[in-house]
Amino acid sequence: MEIWSLILGMAAITFAIRYSLFAWPNLRFPPVVRQGLHYVPTAVLTAIVVPGMLMPDGEHIDLALDNAYLLAGLGAILIAALTRHLLATILGGLMLFFLLRWMLGQLPL
């Protein structure tokens, strides 16, 4: 019962936060808040991706040159900086990742 209370509580809080923007459509944020919200997608994406790059096994930090996750992630960052094109970054990062896995003998074939 305690778990269901927790799940329902989280659902209610999530709904309230998202519904509030529809309930008060004329709500305007101060410029400082709007400027801060501009960085939220970058911060969230970084928080999701970086642990996977640095800890591919989920337990230990791996900064070695045989870490295809880290090398492909750095390559994708470079592609993004040079091209500023989302699709080129995704495709280039994936191709680099699988190429590195193949070169390092890490592909399960």
C-alpha atoms as a PDB file:
ATOM      1  CA  MET A   1       0.000   0.000   0.000  1.00  0.00           C
ATOM      2  CA  GLU A   2       2.888   2.347   0.755  1.00  0.00           C
ATOM      3  CA  ILE A   3       4.282   1.963  -2.759  1.00  0.00           C
ATOM      4  CA  TRP A   4       0.925   2.774  -4.338  1.00  0.00           C
ATOM      5  CA  SER A   5       0.627   5.894  -2.179  1.00  0.00           C
ATOM      6  CA  LEU A   6       4.062   6.963  -3.370  1.00  0.00           C
ATOM      7  CA  ILE A   7       3.183   6.341  -7.029  1.00  0.00           C
ATOM      8  CA  LEU A   8      -0.132   8.214  -6.743  1.00  0.00           C
ATOM      9  CA  GLY A   9       1.570  11.099  -4.945  1.00  0.00           C
ATOM     10  CA  MET A  10       4.227  11.403  -7.664  1.00  0.00           C
ATOM     11  CA  ALA A  11       1.539  11.260 -10.348  1.00  0.00           C
ATOM     12  CA  ALA A  12      -0.464  14.009  -8.616  1.00  0.00           C
ATOM     13  CA  ILE A  13       2.577  16.265  -8.291  1.00  0.00           C
ATOM     14  CA  THR A  14       3.582  15.698 -11.919  1.00  0.00           C
ATOM     15  CA  PHE A  15       0.037  16.408 -13.103  1.00  0.00           C
ATOM     16  CA  ALA A  16      -0.220  19.566 -10.985  1.00  0.00           C
ATOM     17  CA  ILE A  17       3.058  20.949 -12.323  1.00  0.00           C
ATOM     18  CA  ARG A  18       2.136  20.314 -15.950  1.00  0.00           C
ATOM     19  CA  TYR A  19      -1.505  21.348 -15.619  1.00  0.00           C
ATOM     20  CA  SER A  20      -0.594  24.660 -13.984  1.00  0.00           C
ATOM     21  CA  LEU A  21       0.702  26.005 -17.297  1.00  0.00           C
ATOM     22  CA  PHE A  22      -2.676  25.262 -18.923  1.00  0.00           C
ATOM     23  CA  ALA A  23      -4.721  26.520 -15.966  1.00  0.00           C
ATOM     24  CA  TRP A  24      -3.030  29.928 -16.039  1.00  0.00           C
ATOM     25  CA  PRO A  25      -2.151  30.560 -19.727  1.00  0.00           C
ATOM     26  CA  ASN A  26      -1.366  34.236 -19.095  1.00  0.00           C
ATOM     27  CA  LEU A  27       1.339  33.390 -16.584  1.00  0.00           C
ATOM     28  CA  ARG A  28       4.558  35.209 -17.487  1.00  0.00           C
ATOM     29  CA  PHE A  29       7.940  34.378 -16.029  1.00  0.00           C
ATOM     30  CA  PRO A  30      10.527  37.023 -15.178  1.00  0.00           C
ATOM     31  CA  PRO A  31      13.410  37.345 -17.678  1.00  0.00           C
ATOM     32  CA  VAL A  32      15.856  35.687 -15.266  1.00  0.00           C
ATOM     33  CA  VAL A  33      13.639  32.578 -14.994  1.00  0.00           C
ATOM     34  CA  ARG A  34      13.138  32.433 -18.775  1.00  0.00           C
ATOM     35  CA  GLN A  35      16.896  32.697 -19.291  1.00  0.00           C
ATOM     36  CA  GLY A  36      17.481  29.902 -16.762  1.00  0.00           C
ATOM     37  CA  LEU A  37      14.858  27.663 -18.389  1.00  0.00           C
ATOM     38  CA  HIS A  38      16.759  28.014 -21.660  1.00  0.00           C
ATOM     39  CA  TYR A  39      19.534  25.796 -20.215  1.00  0.00           C
ATOM     40  CA  VAL A  40      17.288  23.040 -18.821  1.00  0.00           C
ATOM     41  CA  PRO A  41      17.331  20.738 -21.914  1.00  0.00           C
ATOM     42  CA  THR A  42      21.130  20.859 -22.092  1.00  0.00           C
ATOM     43  CA  ALA A  43      21.496  20.135 -18.384  1.00  0.00           C
ATOM     44  CA  VAL A  44      19.024  17.236 -18.471  1.00  0.00           C
ATOM     45  CA  LEU A  45      20.595  15.668 -21.557  1.00  0.00           C
ATOM     46  CA  THR A  46      24.056  15.994 -20.018  1.00  0.00           C
ATOM     47  CA  ALA A  47      22.884  14.351 -16.799  1.00  0.00           C
ATOM     48  CA  ILE A  48      21.510  11.419 -18.796  1.00  0.00           C
ATOM     49  CA  VAL A  49      24.370  10.917 -21.265  1.00  0.00           C
ATOM     50  CA  VAL A  50      27.592  11.598 -19.332  1.00  0.00           C
ATOM     51  CA  PRO A  51      27.246   8.778 -16.764  1.00  0.00           C
ATOM     52  CA  GLY A  52      26.771   6.318 -19.630  1.00  0.00           C
ATOM     53  CA  MET A  53      29.885   7.611 -21.352  1.00  0.00           C
ATOM     54  CA  LEU A  54      32.076   7.535 -18.255  1.00  0.00           C
ATOM     55  CA  MET A  55      30.678   4.361 -16.644  1.00  0.00           C
ATOM     56  CA  PRO A  56      29.632   1.960 -19.411  1.00  0.00           C
ATOM     57  CA  ASP A  57      29.427  -0.959 -16.965  1.00  0.00           C
ATOM     58  CA  GLY A  58      27.372   1.139 -14.541  1.00  0.00           C
ATOM     59  CA  GLU A  59      29.804   0.727 -11.637  1.00  0.00           C
ATOM     60  CA  HIS A  60      33.311   1.958 -12.416  1.00  0.00           C
ATOM     61  CA  ILE A  61      34.609   5.058 -14.170  1.00  0.00           C
ATOM     62  CA  ASP A  62      36.389   4.027 -17.382  1.00  0.00           C
ATOM     63  CA  LEU A  63      38.656   6.683 -18.892  1.00  0.00           C
ATOM     64  CA  ALA A  64      40.693   4.236 -20.982  1.00  0.00           C
ATOM     65  CA  LEU A  65      41.216   4.532 -24.732  1.00  0.00           C
ATOM     66  CA  ASP A  66      39.251   1.319 -25.297  1.00  0.00           C
ATOM     67  CA  ASN A  67      36.021   2.889 -23.973  1.00  0.00           C
ATOM     68  CA  ALA A  68      33.993   3.190 -27.186  1.00  0.00           C
ATOM     69  CA  TYR A  69      31.183   4.977 -25.335  1.00  0.00           C
ATOM     70  CA  LEU A  70      33.499   7.780 -24.214  1.00  0.00           C
ATOM     71  CA  LEU A  71      35.295   8.128 -27.547  1.00  0.00           C
ATOM     72  CA  ALA A  72      32.083   8.104 -29.588  1.00  0.00           C
ATOM     73  CA  GLY A  73      30.511  10.605 -27.186  1.00  0.00           C
ATOM     74  CA  LEU A  74      33.445  12.955 -27.574  1.00  0.00           C
ATOM     75  CA  GLY A  75      33.274  12.468 -31.339  1.00  0.00           C
ATOM     76  CA  ALA A  76      29.563  13.296 -31.319  1.00  0.00           C
ATOM     77  CA  ILE A  77      30.281  16.459 -29.335  1.00  0.00           C
ATOM     78  CA  LEU A  78      32.867  17.437 -31.948  1.00  0.00           C
ATOM     79  CA  ILE A  79      30.438  16.719 -34.801  1.00  0.00           C
ATOM     80  CA  ALA A  80      27.770  18.803 -33.061  1.00  0.00           C
ATOM     81  CA  ALA A  81      30.165  21.699 -32.543  1.00  0.00           C
ATOM     82  CA  LEU A  82      31.324  21.654 -36.162  1.00  0.00           C
ATOM     83  CA  THR A  83      28.035  21.054 -37.976  1.00  0.00           C
ATOM     84  CA  ARG A  84      25.319  22.338 -35.592  1.00  0.00           C
ATOM     85  CA  HIS A  85      23.092  19.730 -37.263  1.00  0.00           C
ATOM     86  CA  LEU A  86      21.134  17.326 -35.040  1.00  0.00           C
ATOM     87  CA  LEU A  87      20.747  14.505 -37.559  1.00  0.00           C
ATOM     88  CA  ALA A  88      24.435  14.668 -38.540  1.00  0.00           C
ATOM     89  CA  THR A  89      25.369  14.477 -34.858  1.00  0.00           C
ATOM     90  CA  ILE A  90      23.153  11.460 -34.182  1.00  0.00           C
ATOM     91  CA  LEU A  91      24.159   9.531 -37.300  1.00  0.00           C
ATOM     92  CA  GLY A  92      27.845  10.455 -36.998  1.00  0.00           C
ATOM     93  CA  GLY A  93      27.926   9.511 -33.320  1.00  0.00           C
ATOM     94  CA  LEU A  94      26.240   6.159 -33.978  1.00  0.00           C
ATOM     95  CA  MET A  95      28.510   5.342 -36.909  1.00  0.00           C
ATOM     96  CA  LEU A  96      31.567   6.310 -34.867  1.00  0.00           C
ATOM     97  CA  PHE A  97      30.366   4.223 -31.927  1.00  0.00           C
ATOM     98  CA  PHE A  98      29.834   1.061 -33.980  1.00  0.00           C
ATOM     99  CA  LEU A  99      33.065   1.605 -35.913  1.00  0.00           C
ATOM    100  CA  LEU A 100      34.983   1.925 -32.649  1.00  0.00           C
ATOM    101  CA  ARG A 101      33.282  -1.151 -31.189  1.00  0.00           C
ATOM    102  CA  TRP A 102      34.194  -3.099 -34.333  1.00  0.00           C
ATOM    103  CA  MET A 103      37.803  -1.846 -34.327  1.00  0.00           C
ATOM    104  CA  LEU A 104      38.208  -2.639 -30.621  1.00  0.00           C
ATOM    105  CA  GLY A 105      36.719  -6.114 -31.065  1.00  0.00           C
ATOM    106  CA  GLN A 106      33.786  -5.405 -28.757  1.00  0.00           C
ATOM    107  CA  LEU A 107      30.922  -6.271 -31.106  1.00  0.00           C
ATOM    108  CA  PRO A 108      29.237  -9.563 -30.176  1.00  0.00           C
ATOM    109  CA  LEU A 109      29.097 -11.372 -33.504  1.00  0.00           C
END
